[in-house]
Amino acid sequence: LTESINKDLPQEVMRQDDLELEHNATGDIVVTRNGDIKVRGESGALKLDIPLRIKADIEIPPKVSLKIIDRTMRKSINTALTFHISLVPVLDDEWNITATPTIDMTWDEPPKVKLGPFNINITKKIEPRIKDGFPDIIKQIEQRISERAQTRSKVEQAWSRLAQPASVSDNPPLWLVVRPTKLFGSDLVVTEEHLGLSAGL
């Protein structure tokens, strides 16, 4: 699972030119992955730590009329954050796996941009856009989990096998016939490499 997630997720998470910032500043922002994604199972949840690298070119145009600055000021920043996704997989009524995600992020170094007399806060502009880009990525992860688990097909196969008569004795000939009426499953057990489930009749 860890290997497939690292393989499937794109290297570039976000790119935006001319992002409007404070004090009439604009920024060209590029967010890329910054190493391998770490996957672990914890308290019934699948947790992913996605390291990201943020590069931004910020500029403030001249404000001659305000007599504050008379030239374009520019600054480039290069910083990092870790995007945290927690997925709690559950079985729906059709025995398919669904997951409810929660997301958070931690800056390694919160970007501080000072151009002349201006302090520009870019985190409140960047964070929502990074989060906006992750629903599609989360769907890819959920799809990968479902593909690997194949819970519904495995349950159907087990149900079909149980319904087949099984020979328990040749002399005298005895056959065991099970007619299951209901199937129930335990809570999913989550690790970084597999999902575990106990089922019973």
Protein backbone atom coordinates (compact mmCIF):
# COMPACT_ATOMS: atom_id res chain seq x y z
CA LEU A 1 0.00 0.00 0.00
CA THR A 2 2.80 2.42 0.91
CA GLU A 3 4.62 1.73 -2.35
CA SER A 4 1.50 2.13 -4.50
CA ILE A 5 0.50 5.41 -2.82
CA ASN A 6 3.98 6.85 -3.33
CA LYS A 7 3.87 5.75 -6.95
CA ASP A 8 0.38 7.04 -7.71
CA LEU A 9 0.41 10.50 -6.17
CA PRO A 10 1.65 13.32 -8.44
CA GLN A 11 4.88 15.16 -7.74
CA GLU A 12 3.32 18.58 -8.32
CA VAL A 13 0.49 19.38 -5.92
CA MET A 14 -0.26 22.99 -6.80
CA ARG A 15 0.89 25.71 -9.16
CA GLN A 16 -0.54 29.21 -9.33
CA ASP A 17 0.77 32.36 -10.92
CA ASP A 18 -0.09 35.89 -9.84
CA LEU A 19 -1.72 34.86 -6.56
CA GLU A 20 -3.04 38.03 -4.94
CA LEU A 21 -1.51 38.69 -1.54
CA GLU A 22 -1.52 41.48 1.02
CA HIS A 23 -0.30 45.02 0.27
CA ASN A 24 -1.00 44.66 -3.45
CA ALA A 25 1.68 41.95 -3.68
CA THR A 26 1.42 38.97 -6.00
CA GLY A 27 3.14 35.61 -5.91
CA ASP A 28 3.98 32.75 -8.25
CA ILE A 29 3.56 29.62 -6.11
CA VAL A 30 4.68 26.05 -6.79
CA VAL A 31 4.01 23.23 -4.31
CA THR A 32 5.67 19.87 -4.91
CA ARG A 33 6.22 16.66 -2.98
CA ASN A 34 9.35 16.70 -0.86
CA GLY A 35 10.23 13.05 -0.39
CA ASP A 36 8.40 9.79 0.26
CA ILE A 37 4.96 9.68 1.79
CA LYS A 38 4.89 7.94 5.17
CA VAL A 39 1.95 5.61 5.79
CA ARG A 40 1.04 4.07 9.14
CA GLY A 41 -1.90 2.52 10.93
CA GLU A 42 -2.89 4.13 14.20
CA SER A 43 -6.03 3.84 16.36
CA GLY A 44 -8.10 2.35 13.55
CA ALA A 45 -7.06 5.03 11.07
CA LEU A 46 -4.73 5.04 8.09
CA LYS A 47 -2.46 8.04 8.53
CA LEU A 48 -0.41 9.62 5.77
CA ASP A 49 2.29 12.25 6.21
CA ILE A 50 2.99 13.98 2.90
CA PRO A 51 6.07 16.25 2.92
CA LEU A 52 5.74 19.24 0.62
CA ARG A 53 8.13 21.88 -0.70
CA ILE A 54 6.82 25.41 -1.33
CA LYS A 55 8.60 27.80 -3.66
CA ALA A 56 7.26 31.30 -4.12
CA ASP A 57 8.37 34.39 -6.00
CA ILE A 58 6.76 37.44 -4.38
CA GLU A 59 6.74 40.98 -5.72
CA ILE A 60 5.22 44.34 -4.86
CA PRO A 61 4.81 46.81 -7.75
CA PRO A 62 5.83 50.47 -7.48
CA LYS A 63 3.52 52.76 -5.47
CA VAL A 64 4.80 56.07 -6.66
CA SER A 65 1.59 57.89 -5.89
CA LEU A 66 1.76 56.83 -2.24
CA LYS A 67 5.45 57.73 -2.07
CA ILE A 68 6.15 54.47 -0.24
CA ILE A 69 8.27 52.69 -2.82
CA ASP A 70 9.25 53.72 -6.29
CA ARG A 71 10.43 50.37 -7.67
CA THR A 72 9.24 46.81 -7.89
CA MET A 73 10.44 44.76 -4.92
CA ARG A 74 10.91 41.01 -5.25
CA LYS A 75 11.74 38.14 -2.95
CA SER A 76 11.90 34.38 -3.38
CA ILE A 77 11.18 31.93 -0.58
CA ASN A 78 11.72 28.20 -0.29
CA THR A 79 10.14 26.42 2.66
CA ALA A 80 8.43 23.17 3.59
CA LEU A 81 5.40 21.75 5.33
CA THR A 82 3.94 18.33 6.05
CA PHE A 83 0.37 17.59 5.02
CA HIS A 84 -1.37 15.13 7.32
CA ILE A 85 -4.28 12.96 6.17
CA SER A 86 -6.14 10.63 8.49
CA LEU A 87 -8.53 8.14 6.87
CA VAL A 88 -10.86 6.02 8.98
CA PRO A 89 -12.01 3.12 6.74
CA VAL A 90 -15.43 1.62 7.40
CA LEU A 91 -17.59 -0.98 5.68
CA ASP A 92 -20.84 0.25 4.22
CA ASP A 93 -24.00 -1.84 3.91
CA GLU A 94 -22.79 -3.24 0.59
CA TRP A 95 -19.48 -4.40 2.10
CA ASN A 96 -17.51 -1.75 0.27
CA ILE A 97 -14.82 0.23 2.05
CA THR A 98 -15.35 3.95 2.45
CA ALA A 99 -13.22 6.41 4.38
CA THR A 100 -13.83 9.70 6.16
CA PRO A 101 -10.76 11.94 5.87
CA THR A 102 -9.50 14.60 8.23
CA ILE A 103 -6.64 16.84 7.16
CA ASP A 104 -4.12 19.08 8.86
CA MET A 105 -0.74 20.57 8.06
CA THR A 106 2.41 21.49 9.93
CA TRP A 107 4.90 24.05 8.67
CA ASP A 108 8.56 23.17 9.09
CA GLU A 109 9.28 26.87 8.82
CA PRO A 110 6.30 29.23 8.47
CA PRO A 111 7.13 31.50 5.51
CA LYS A 112 7.87 35.05 6.57
CA VAL A 113 8.08 37.55 3.76
CA LYS A 114 9.26 41.09 4.38
CA LEU A 115 9.49 43.47 1.44
CA GLY A 116 10.54 46.94 2.46
CA PRO A 117 8.15 48.08 5.20
CA PHE A 118 5.63 45.32 4.46
CA ASN A 119 5.19 42.00 6.25
CA ILE A 120 3.27 39.66 3.95
CA ASN A 121 1.45 36.63 5.34
CA ILE A 122 1.24 34.05 2.57
CA THR A 123 0.22 31.05 4.69
CA LYS A 124 -3.47 32.00 4.80
CA LYS A 125 -3.49 32.21 1.01
CA ILE A 126 -1.52 29.05 0.31
CA GLU A 127 -3.07 26.66 2.85
CA PRO A 128 -6.65 26.74 1.45
CA ARG A 129 -5.37 26.18 -2.08
CA ILE A 130 -3.28 23.20 -1.02
CA LYS A 131 -6.30 21.73 0.75
CA ASP A 132 -8.42 22.33 -2.35
CA GLY A 133 -6.03 20.21 -4.37
CA PHE A 134 -6.20 17.19 -2.08
CA PRO A 135 -9.77 15.85 -2.50
CA ASP A 136 -8.76 14.25 -5.80
CA ILE A 137 -5.64 12.80 -4.18
CA ILE A 138 -7.70 11.43 -1.28
CA LYS A 139 -10.06 9.78 -3.79
CA GLN A 140 -7.05 8.11 -5.43
CA ILE A 141 -5.96 6.76 -2.04
CA GLU A 142 -9.46 5.48 -1.26
CA GLN A 143 -9.62 3.81 -4.67
CA ARG A 144 -6.26 2.16 -4.10
CA ILE A 145 -7.43 0.83 -0.71
CA SER A 146 -10.63 -0.55 -2.24
CA GLU A 147 -8.73 -2.18 -5.10
CA ARG A 148 -6.34 -3.90 -2.73
CA ALA A 149 -8.99 -4.95 -0.22
CA GLN A 150 -11.68 -6.16 -2.68
CA THR A 151 -13.87 -6.74 0.36
CA ARG A 152 -17.15 -7.23 -1.45
CA SER A 153 -15.83 -9.79 -3.96
CA LYS A 154 -14.09 -11.78 -1.23
CA VAL A 155 -17.25 -11.84 0.87
CA GLU A 156 -19.27 -13.01 -2.14
CA GLN A 157 -16.75 -15.78 -2.83
CA ALA A 158 -16.85 -16.95 0.79
CA TRP A 159 -20.67 -16.89 0.81
CA SER A 160 -20.76 -18.96 -2.38
CA ARG A 161 -18.32 -21.56 -1.01
CA LEU A 162 -20.27 -21.91 2.22
CA ALA A 163 -23.44 -22.69 0.29
CA GLN A 164 -21.80 -25.63 -1.49
CA PRO A 165 -22.32 -29.12 0.09
CA ALA A 166 -19.17 -30.50 1.68
CA SER A 167 -18.45 -34.21 2.11
CA VAL A 168 -17.68 -35.13 5.72
CA SER A 169 -17.80 -38.94 5.41
CA ASP A 170 -17.64 -41.55 2.65
CA ASN A 171 -19.02 -44.44 4.71
CA PRO A 172 -21.70 -43.75 5.47
CA PRO A 173 -21.95 -40.90 2.96
CA LEU A 174 -22.54 -37.70 4.86
CA TRP A 175 -22.69 -34.19 3.51
CA LEU A 176 -22.64 -30.91 5.35
CA VAL A 177 -24.88 -28.22 3.93
CA VAL A 178 -24.65 -24.68 5.33
CA ARG A 179 -27.34 -22.18 4.55
CA PRO A 180 -26.04 -18.85 5.84
CA THR A 181 -28.69 -16.24 6.49
CA LYS A 182 -26.63 -13.35 7.77
CA LEU A 183 -23.03 -12.25 7.70
CA PHE A 184 -21.43 -9.80 10.07
CA GLY A 185 -17.99 -8.22 10.24
CA SER A 186 -15.74 -6.80 12.91
CA ASP A 187 -14.20 -3.35 12.91
CA LEU A 188 -11.40 -2.98 10.40
CA VAL A 189 -7.87 -3.39 11.71
CA VAL A 190 -5.55 -0.93 9.98
CA THR A 191 -1.79 -1.10 9.51
CA GLU A 192 0.49 0.60 7.02
CA GLU A 193 0.43 -2.50 4.79
CA HIS A 194 -2.98 -4.10 5.16
CA LEU A 195 -6.57 -3.90 6.36
CA GLY A 196 -7.79 -6.77 8.52
CA LEU A 197 -11.38 -7.91 9.01
CA SER A 198 -12.96 -10.77 10.91
CA ALA A 199 -16.29 -12.04 9.57
CA GLY A 200 -18.81 -14.45 11.01
CA LEU A 201 -22.17 -16.08 10.29
